[in-house]
Amino acid sequence: MTVKVGGNKVAEASTSGEFAYPIVVYLALNPATMGTGTLRIEADESGDIYYYQKAGGVSLTAGKFYQSAVELEIGVMIL
């Protein structure tokens, strides 16, 4: 899983093995260094890219805990 803000990678996590769905992932983000722009969360499952995207980004405050459930959509590749 990768989190990007304005196209820049700000966090990532990786796993292996078998999982039950839904998969819960917690990531730490540093508001002071993440920049601004569209927030995009991507997950690669066996070559299929799933994503969540929020145009305009998000505003986070250091020292706060945020919990959000997002539903990832499968990416469509146009050739």
PDB file of N, CA and C in Angstrom:
ATOM      1  N   MET A   1       0.844  -1.156   0.000  1.00  0.00           N
ATOM      2  CA  MET A   1       0.000   0.000   0.000  1.00  0.00           C
ATOM      3  C   MET A   1       0.893   1.224   0.000  1.00  0.00           C
ATOM      4  N   THR A   2       0.524   2.193  -0.787  1.00  0.00           N
ATOM      5  CA  THR A   2       1.264   3.439  -0.884  1.00  0.00           C
ATOM      6  C   THR A   2       0.307   4.611  -0.716  1.00  0.00           C
ATOM      7  N   VAL A   3       0.749   5.628   0.021  1.00  0.00           N
ATOM      8  CA  VAL A   3      -0.019   6.865   0.155  1.00  0.00           C
ATOM      9  C   VAL A   3       0.783   7.955  -0.532  1.00  0.00           C
ATOM     10  N   LYS A   4       0.130   8.674  -1.452  1.00  0.00           N
ATOM     11  CA  LYS A   4       0.776   9.763  -2.177  1.00  0.00           C
ATOM     12  C   LYS A   4      -0.014  11.043  -1.957  1.00  0.00           C
ATOM     13  N   VAL A   5       0.698  12.150  -1.867  1.00  0.00           N
ATOM     14  CA  VAL A   5       0.074  13.471  -1.797  1.00  0.00           C
ATOM     15  C   VAL A   5       0.711  14.311  -2.891  1.00  0.00           C
ATOM     16  N   GLY A   6      -0.113  14.798  -3.800  1.00  0.00           N
ATOM     17  CA  GLY A   6       0.407  15.581  -4.915  1.00  0.00           C
ATOM     18  C   GLY A   6       1.409  14.803  -5.751  1.00  0.00           C
ATOM     19  N   GLY A   7       1.258  13.476  -5.832  1.00  0.00           N
ATOM     20  CA  GLY A   7       2.159  12.633  -6.612  1.00  0.00           C
ATOM     21  C   GLY A   7       3.408  12.192  -5.872  1.00  0.00           C
ATOM     22  N   ASN A   8       3.662  12.713  -4.667  1.00  0.00           N
ATOM     23  CA  ASN A   8       4.837  12.335  -3.881  1.00  0.00           C
ATOM     24  C   ASN A   8       4.467  11.264  -2.861  1.00  0.00           C
ATOM     25  N   LYS A   9       5.260  10.198  -2.787  1.00  0.00           N
ATOM     26  CA  LYS A   9       5.019   9.126  -1.832  1.00  0.00           C
ATOM     27  C   LYS A   9       5.314   9.622  -0.424  1.00  0.00           C
ATOM     28  N   VAL A  10       4.330   9.506   0.489  1.00  0.00           N
ATOM     29  CA  VAL A  10       4.506   9.972   1.863  1.00  0.00           C
ATOM     30  C   VAL A  10       4.458   8.838   2.878  1.00  0.00           C
ATOM     31  N   ALA A  11       3.990   7.655   2.474  1.00  0.00           N
ATOM     32  CA  ALA A  11       3.958   6.498   3.366  1.00  0.00           C
ATOM     33  C   ALA A  11       3.745   5.248   2.535  1.00  0.00           C
ATOM     34  N   GLU A  12       4.252   4.119   3.064  1.00  0.00           N
ATOM     35  CA  GLU A  12       3.983   2.849   2.402  1.00  0.00           C
ATOM     36  C   GLU A  12       4.073   1.715   3.416  1.00  0.00           C
ATOM     37  N   ALA A  13       3.405   0.629   3.102  1.00  0.00           N
ATOM     38  CA  ALA A  13       3.424  -0.568   3.927  1.00  0.00           C
ATOM     39  C   ALA A  13       3.333  -1.758   2.994  1.00  0.00           C
ATOM     40  N   SER A  14       3.922  -2.867   3.403  1.00  0.00           N
ATOM     41  CA  SER A  14       3.823  -4.076   2.593  1.00  0.00           C
ATOM     42  C   SER A  14       3.552  -5.264   3.491  1.00  0.00           C
ATOM     43  N   THR A  15       2.903  -6.256   2.925  1.00  0.00           N
ATOM     44  CA  THR A  15       2.560  -7.470   3.651  1.00  0.00           C
ATOM     45  C   THR A  15       2.717  -8.657   2.720  1.00  0.00           C
ATOM     46  N   SER A  16       2.663  -9.837   3.284  1.00  0.00           N
ATOM     47  CA  SER A  16       2.676 -11.053   2.475  1.00  0.00           C
ATOM     48  C   SER A  16       1.817 -12.092   3.166  1.00  0.00           C
ATOM     49  N   GLY A  17       1.438 -13.098   2.431  1.00  0.00           N
ATOM     50  CA  GLY A  17       0.634 -14.169   3.003  1.00  0.00           C
ATOM     51  C   GLY A  17      -0.832 -14.039   2.646  1.00  0.00           C
ATOM     52  N   GLU A  18      -1.627 -14.866   3.296  1.00  0.00           N
ATOM     53  CA  GLU A  18      -3.068 -14.890   3.061  1.00  0.00           C
ATOM     54  C   GLU A  18      -3.768 -13.969   4.059  1.00  0.00           C
ATOM     55  N   PHE A  19      -4.799 -13.271   3.606  1.00  0.00           N
ATOM     56  CA  PHE A  19      -5.529 -12.347   4.458  1.00  0.00           C
ATOM     57  C   PHE A  19      -7.017 -12.549   4.297  1.00  0.00           C
ATOM     58  N   ALA A  20      -7.727 -12.227   5.349  1.00  0.00           N
ATOM     59  CA  ALA A  20      -9.179 -12.195   5.279  1.00  0.00           C
ATOM     60  C   ALA A  20      -9.592 -10.749   5.003  1.00  0.00           C
ATOM     61  N   TYR A  21     -10.663 -10.574   4.262  1.00  0.00           N
ATOM     62  CA  TYR A  21     -11.140  -9.235   3.944  1.00  0.00           C
ATOM     63  C   TYR A  21     -12.228  -8.840   4.911  1.00  0.00           C
ATOM     64  N   PRO A  22     -12.370  -7.607   5.314  1.00  0.00           N
ATOM     65  CA  PRO A  22     -11.552  -6.481   4.876  1.00  0.00           C
ATOM     66  C   PRO A  22     -10.192  -6.471   5.572  1.00  0.00           C
ATOM     67  N   ILE A  23      -9.220  -5.897   4.904  1.00  0.00           N
ATOM     68  CA  ILE A  23      -7.883  -5.752   5.450  1.00  0.00           C
ATOM     69  C   ILE A  23      -7.789  -4.381   6.110  1.00  0.00           C
ATOM     70  N   VAL A  24      -7.292  -4.344   7.334  1.00  0.00           N
ATOM     71  CA  VAL A  24      -7.151  -3.093   8.068  1.00  0.00           C
ATOM     72  C   VAL A  24      -5.674  -2.733   8.117  1.00  0.00           C
ATOM     73  N   VAL A  25      -5.353  -1.498   7.716  1.00  0.00           N
ATOM     74  CA  VAL A  25      -3.965  -1.026   7.703  1.00  0.00           C
ATOM     75  C   VAL A  25      -3.915   0.312   8.424  1.00  0.00           C
ATOM     76  N   TYR A  26      -2.930   0.456   9.314  1.00  0.00           N
ATOM     77  CA  TYR A  26      -2.693   1.729   9.987  1.00  0.00           C
ATOM     78  C   TYR A  26      -1.363   2.287   9.499  1.00  0.00           C
ATOM     79  N   LEU A  27      -1.343   3.541   9.091  1.00  0.00           N
ATOM     80  CA  LEU A  27      -0.129   4.196   8.618  1.00  0.00           C
ATOM     81  C   LEU A  27       0.055   5.518   9.348  1.00  0.00           C
ATOM     82  N   ALA A  28       1.301   5.872   9.585  1.00  0.00           N
ATOM     83  CA  ALA A  28       1.611   7.163  10.200  1.00  0.00           C
ATOM     84  C   ALA A  28       2.013   8.141   9.112  1.00  0.00           C
ATOM     85  N   LEU A  29       1.431   9.320   9.132  1.00  0.00           N
ATOM     86  CA  LEU A  29       1.759  10.373   8.176  1.00  0.00           C
ATOM     87  C   LEU A  29       2.291  11.570   8.945  1.00  0.00           C
ATOM     88  N   ASN A  30       3.251  12.258   8.385  1.00  0.00           N
ATOM     89  CA  ASN A  30       3.827  13.446   9.008  1.00  0.00           C
ATOM     90  C   ASN A  30       3.301  14.677   8.275  1.00  0.00           C
ATOM     91  N   PRO A  31       2.343  15.396   8.864  1.00  0.00           N
ATOM     92  CA  PRO A  31       1.770  16.568   8.191  1.00  0.00           C
ATOM     93  C   PRO A  31       2.807  17.610   7.802  1.00  0.00           C
ATOM     94  N   ALA A  32       3.889  17.728   8.565  1.00  0.00           N
ATOM     95  CA  ALA A  32       4.906  18.753   8.290  1.00  0.00           C
ATOM     96  C   ALA A  32       5.669  18.477   7.001  1.00  0.00           C
ATOM     97  N   THR A  33       5.711  17.217   6.555  1.00  0.00           N
ATOM     98  CA  THR A  33       6.501  16.898   5.368  1.00  0.00           C
ATOM     99  C   THR A  33       5.682  16.331   4.213  1.00  0.00           C
ATOM    100  N   MET A  34       4.382  16.165   4.383  1.00  0.00           N
ATOM    101  CA  MET A  34       3.623  15.500   3.321  1.00  0.00           C
ATOM    102  C   MET A  34       3.217  16.424   2.182  1.00  0.00           C
ATOM    103  N   GLY A  35       3.281  17.713   2.351  1.00  0.00           N
ATOM    104  CA  GLY A  35       2.945  18.618   1.264  1.00  0.00           C
ATOM    105  C   GLY A  35       1.451  18.734   1.052  1.00  0.00           C
ATOM    106  N   THR A  36       1.085  19.228  -0.127  1.00  0.00           N
ATOM    107  CA  THR A  36      -0.322  19.443  -0.445  1.00  0.00           C
ATOM    108  C   THR A  36      -0.640  18.831  -1.795  1.00  0.00           C
ATOM    109  N   GLY A  37      -1.895  18.689  -2.058  1.00  0.00           N
ATOM    110  CA  GLY A  37      -2.338  18.162  -3.341  1.00  0.00           C
ATOM    111  C   GLY A  37      -3.274  16.987  -3.144  1.00  0.00           C
ATOM    112  N   THR A  38      -3.604  16.343  -4.225  1.00  0.00           N
ATOM    113  CA  THR A  38      -4.524  15.215  -4.210  1.00  0.00           C
ATOM    114  C   THR A  38      -3.960  14.075  -3.377  1.00  0.00           C
ATOM    115  N   LEU A  39      -4.786  13.530  -2.489  1.00  0.00           N
ATOM    116  CA  LEU A  39      -4.422  12.370  -1.687  1.00  0.00           C
ATOM    117  C   LEU A  39      -4.804  11.121  -2.462  1.00  0.00           C
ATOM    118  N   ARG A  40      -3.868  10.186  -2.596  1.00  0.00           N
ATOM    119  CA  ARG A  40      -4.139   8.940  -3.310  1.00  0.00           C
ATOM    120  C   ARG A  40      -3.569   7.778  -2.512  1.00  0.00           C
ATOM    121  N   ILE A  41      -4.404   6.787  -2.248  1.00  0.00           N
ATOM    122  CA  ILE A  41      -3.997   5.562  -1.580  1.00  0.00           C
ATOM    123  C   ILE A  41      -4.078   4.450  -2.616  1.00  0.00           C
ATOM    124  N   GLU A  42      -2.980   3.723  -2.800  1.00  0.00           N
ATOM    125  CA  GLU A  42      -2.940   2.642  -3.791  1.00  0.00           C
ATOM    126  C   GLU A  42      -2.542   1.336  -3.121  1.00  0.00           C
ATOM    127  N   ALA A  43      -3.163   0.265  -3.553  1.00  0.00           N
ATOM    128  CA  ALA A  43      -2.809  -1.071  -3.092  1.00  0.00           C
ATOM    129  C   ALA A  43      -2.659  -1.970  -4.310  1.00  0.00           C
ATOM    130  N   ASP A  44      -1.591  -2.743  -4.340  1.00  0.00           N
ATOM    131  CA  ASP A  44      -1.313  -3.670  -5.440  1.00  0.00           C
ATOM    132  C   ASP A  44      -1.587  -5.085  -4.944  1.00  0.00           C
ATOM    133  N   GLU A  45      -2.561  -5.735  -5.554  1.00  0.00           N
ATOM    134  CA  GLU A  45      -2.875  -7.119  -5.207  1.00  0.00           C
ATOM    135  C   GLU A  45      -2.665  -7.979  -6.443  1.00  0.00           C
ATOM    136  N   SER A  46      -1.539  -8.664  -6.468  1.00  0.00           N
ATOM    137  CA  SER A  46      -1.201  -9.558  -7.579  1.00  0.00           C
ATOM    138  C   SER A  46      -1.238  -8.836  -8.921  1.00  0.00           C
ATOM    139  N   GLY A  47      -0.761  -7.606  -8.955  1.00  0.00           N
ATOM    140  CA  GLY A  47      -0.702  -6.849 -10.204  1.00  0.00           C
ATOM    141  C   GLY A  47      -1.926  -5.996 -10.484  1.00  0.00           C
ATOM    142  N   ASP A  48      -3.015  -6.211  -9.740  1.00  0.00           N
ATOM    143  CA  ASP A  48      -4.199  -5.357  -9.876  1.00  0.00           C
ATOM    144  C   ASP A  48      -4.029  -4.175  -8.934  1.00  0.00           C
ATOM    145  N   ILE A  49      -4.206  -2.963  -9.435  1.00  0.00           N
ATOM    146  CA  ILE A  49      -4.053  -1.761  -8.624  1.00  0.00           C
ATOM    147  C   ILE A  49      -5.429  -1.282  -8.172  1.00  0.00           C
ATOM    148  N   TYR A  50      -5.598  -1.184  -6.864  1.00  0.00           N
ATOM    149  CA  TYR A  50      -6.808  -0.640  -6.261  1.00  0.00           C
ATOM    150  C   TYR A  50      -6.453   0.718  -5.678  1.00  0.00           C
ATOM    151  N   TYR A  51      -7.391   1.666  -5.696  1.00  0.00           N
ATOM    152  CA  TYR A  51      -7.041   3.005  -5.237  1.00  0.00           C
ATOM    153  C   TYR A  51      -8.226   3.725  -4.613  1.00  0.00           C
ATOM    154  N   TYR A  52      -7.898   4.727  -3.808  1.00  0.00           N
ATOM    155  CA  TYR A  52      -8.827   5.718  -3.286  1.00  0.00           C
ATOM    156  C   TYR A  52      -8.181   7.062  -3.569  1.00  0.00           C
ATOM    157  N   GLN A  53      -8.948   8.008  -4.057  1.00  0.00           N
ATOM    158  CA  GLN A  53      -8.378   9.309  -4.374  1.00  0.00           C
ATOM    159  C   GLN A  53      -9.300  10.419  -3.892  1.00  0.00           C
ATOM    160  N   LYS A  54      -8.711  11.437  -3.251  1.00  0.00           N
ATOM    161  CA  LYS A  54      -9.461  12.604  -2.808  1.00  0.00           C
ATOM    162  C   LYS A  54      -8.804  13.846  -3.380  1.00  0.00           C
ATOM    163  N   ALA A  55      -9.435  14.426  -4.379  1.00  0.00           N
ATOM    164  CA  ALA A  55      -8.913  15.639  -4.997  1.00  0.00           C
ATOM    165  C   ALA A  55      -8.897  16.765  -3.974  1.00  0.00           C
ATOM    166  N   GLY A  56      -7.881  17.592  -4.043  1.00  0.00           N
ATOM    167  CA  GLY A  56      -7.774  18.704  -3.109  1.00  0.00           C
ATOM    168  C   GLY A  56      -7.070  18.344  -1.821  1.00  0.00           C
ATOM    169  N   GLY A  57      -6.844  17.053  -1.597  1.00  0.00           N
ATOM    170  CA  GLY A  57      -6.079  16.620  -0.439  1.00  0.00           C
ATOM    171  C   GLY A  57      -6.828  16.650   0.867  1.00  0.00           C
ATOM    172  N   VAL A  58      -6.073  16.573   1.947  1.00  0.00           N
ATOM    173  CA  VAL A  58      -6.618  16.578   3.294  1.00  0.00           C
ATOM    174  C   VAL A  58      -5.783  17.514   4.159  1.00  0.00           C
ATOM    175  N   SER A  59      -6.352  17.932   5.263  1.00  0.00           N
ATOM    176  CA  SER A  59      -5.628  18.776   6.207  1.00  0.00           C
ATOM    177  C   SER A  59      -5.480  18.000   7.514  1.00  0.00           C
ATOM    178  N   LEU A  60      -4.244  17.709   7.902  1.00  0.00           N
ATOM    179  CA  LEU A  60      -3.970  16.949   9.121  1.00  0.00           C
ATOM    180  C   LEU A  60      -3.217  17.821  10.112  1.00  0.00           C
ATOM    181  N   THR A  61      -3.430  17.574  11.397  1.00  0.00           N
ATOM    182  CA  THR A  61      -2.743  18.292  12.462  1.00  0.00           C
ATOM    183  C   THR A  61      -1.822  17.319  13.189  1.00  0.00           C
ATOM    184  N   ALA A  62      -0.565  17.703  13.389  1.00  0.00           N
ATOM    185  CA  ALA A  62       0.396  16.857  14.090  1.00  0.00           C
ATOM    186  C   ALA A  62      -0.108  16.530  15.490  1.00  0.00           C
ATOM    187  N   GLY A  63       0.125  15.293  15.926  1.00  0.00           N
ATOM    188  CA  GLY A  63      -0.260  14.868  17.264  1.00  0.00           C
ATOM    189  C   GLY A  63      -1.688  14.375  17.379  1.00  0.00           C
ATOM    190  N   LYS A  64      -2.453  14.434  16.306  1.00  0.00           N
ATOM    191  CA  LYS A  64      -3.844  13.977  16.309  1.00  0.00           C
ATOM    192  C   LYS A  64      -3.922  12.591  15.678  1.00  0.00           C
ATOM    193  N   PHE A  65      -4.910  11.800  16.112  1.00  0.00           N
ATOM    194  CA  PHE A  65      -5.170  10.484  15.540  1.00  0.00           C
ATOM    195  C   PHE A  65      -6.412  10.590  14.672  1.00  0.00           C
ATOM    196  N   TYR A  66      -6.283  10.177  13.425  1.00  0.00           N
ATOM    197  CA  TYR A  66      -7.403  10.195  12.488  1.00  0.00           C
ATOM    198  C   TYR A  66      -7.677   8.766  12.066  1.00  0.00           C
ATOM    199  N   GLN A  67      -8.923   8.381  12.068  1.00  0.00           N
ATOM    200  CA  GLN A  67      -9.299   7.049  11.614  1.00  0.00           C
ATOM    201  C   GLN A  67     -10.359   7.192  10.542  1.00  0.00           C
ATOM    202  N   SER A  68     -10.052   6.686   9.359  1.00  0.00           N
ATOM    203  CA  SER A  68     -10.979   6.781   8.246  1.00  0.00           C
ATOM    204  C   SER A  68     -11.026   5.459   7.507  1.00  0.00           C
ATOM    205  N   ALA A  69     -12.206   5.025   7.200  1.00  0.00           N
ATOM    206  CA  ALA A  69     -12.373   3.834   6.378  1.00  0.00           C
ATOM    207  C   ALA A  69     -12.545   4.297   4.938  1.00  0.00           C
ATOM    208  N   VAL A  70     -11.739   3.762   4.048  1.00  0.00           N
ATOM    209  CA  VAL A  70     -11.882   4.081   2.633  1.00  0.00           C
ATOM    210  C   VAL A  70     -12.090   2.800   1.862  1.00  0.00           C
ATOM    211  N   GLU A  71     -12.890   2.877   0.838  1.00  0.00           N
ATOM    212  CA  GLU A  71     -13.134   1.726  -0.030  1.00  0.00           C
ATOM    213  C   GLU A  71     -12.324   1.945  -1.303  1.00  0.00           C
ATOM    214  N   LEU A  72     -11.459   0.995  -1.597  1.00  0.00           N
ATOM    215  CA  LEU A  72     -10.605   1.104  -2.779  1.00  0.00           C
ATOM    216  C   LEU A  72     -11.346   0.620  -4.012  1.00  0.00           C
ATOM    217  N   GLU A  73     -11.127   1.297  -5.119  1.00  0.00           N
ATOM    218  CA  GLU A  73     -11.702   0.909  -6.403  1.00  0.00           C
ATOM    219  C   GLU A  73     -10.606   0.295  -7.253  1.00  0.00           C
ATOM    220  N   ILE A  74     -10.975  -0.602  -8.132  1.00  0.00           N
ATOM    221  CA  ILE A  74      -9.976  -1.179  -9.018  1.00  0.00           C
ATOM    222  C   ILE A  74      -9.673  -0.183 -10.134  1.00  0.00           C
ATOM    223  N   GLY A  75      -8.396  -0.039 -10.413  1.00  0.00           N
ATOM    224  CA  GLY A  75      -7.972   0.848 -11.490  1.00  0.00           C
ATOM    225  C   GLY A  75      -8.262   0.248 -12.842  1.00  0.00           C
ATOM    226  N   VAL A  76      -8.568   1.063 -13.796  1.00  0.00           N
ATOM    227  CA  VAL A  76      -8.848   0.608 -15.163  1.00  0.00           C
ATOM    228  C   VAL A  76      -7.726   1.112 -16.051  1.00  0.00           C
ATOM    229  N   MET A  77      -7.101   0.204 -16.760  1.00  0.00           N
ATOM    230  CA  MET A  77      -6.023   0.576 -17.673  1.00  0.00           C
ATOM    231  C   MET A  77      -6.588   0.646 -19.088  1.00  0.00           C
ATOM    232  N   ILE A  78      -6.413   1.751 -19.742  1.00  0.00           N
ATOM    233  CA  ILE A  78      -6.870   1.921 -21.129  1.00  0.00           C
ATOM    234  C   ILE A  78      -5.662   1.850 -22.039  1.00  0.00           C
ATOM    235  N   LEU A  79      -5.704   0.919 -22.948  1.00  0.00           N
ATOM    236  CA  LEU A  79      -4.573   0.751 -23.892  1.00  0.00           C
ATOM    237  C   LEU A  79      -4.880   1.372 -25.229  1.00  0.00           C
TER     238      LEU A  79
END
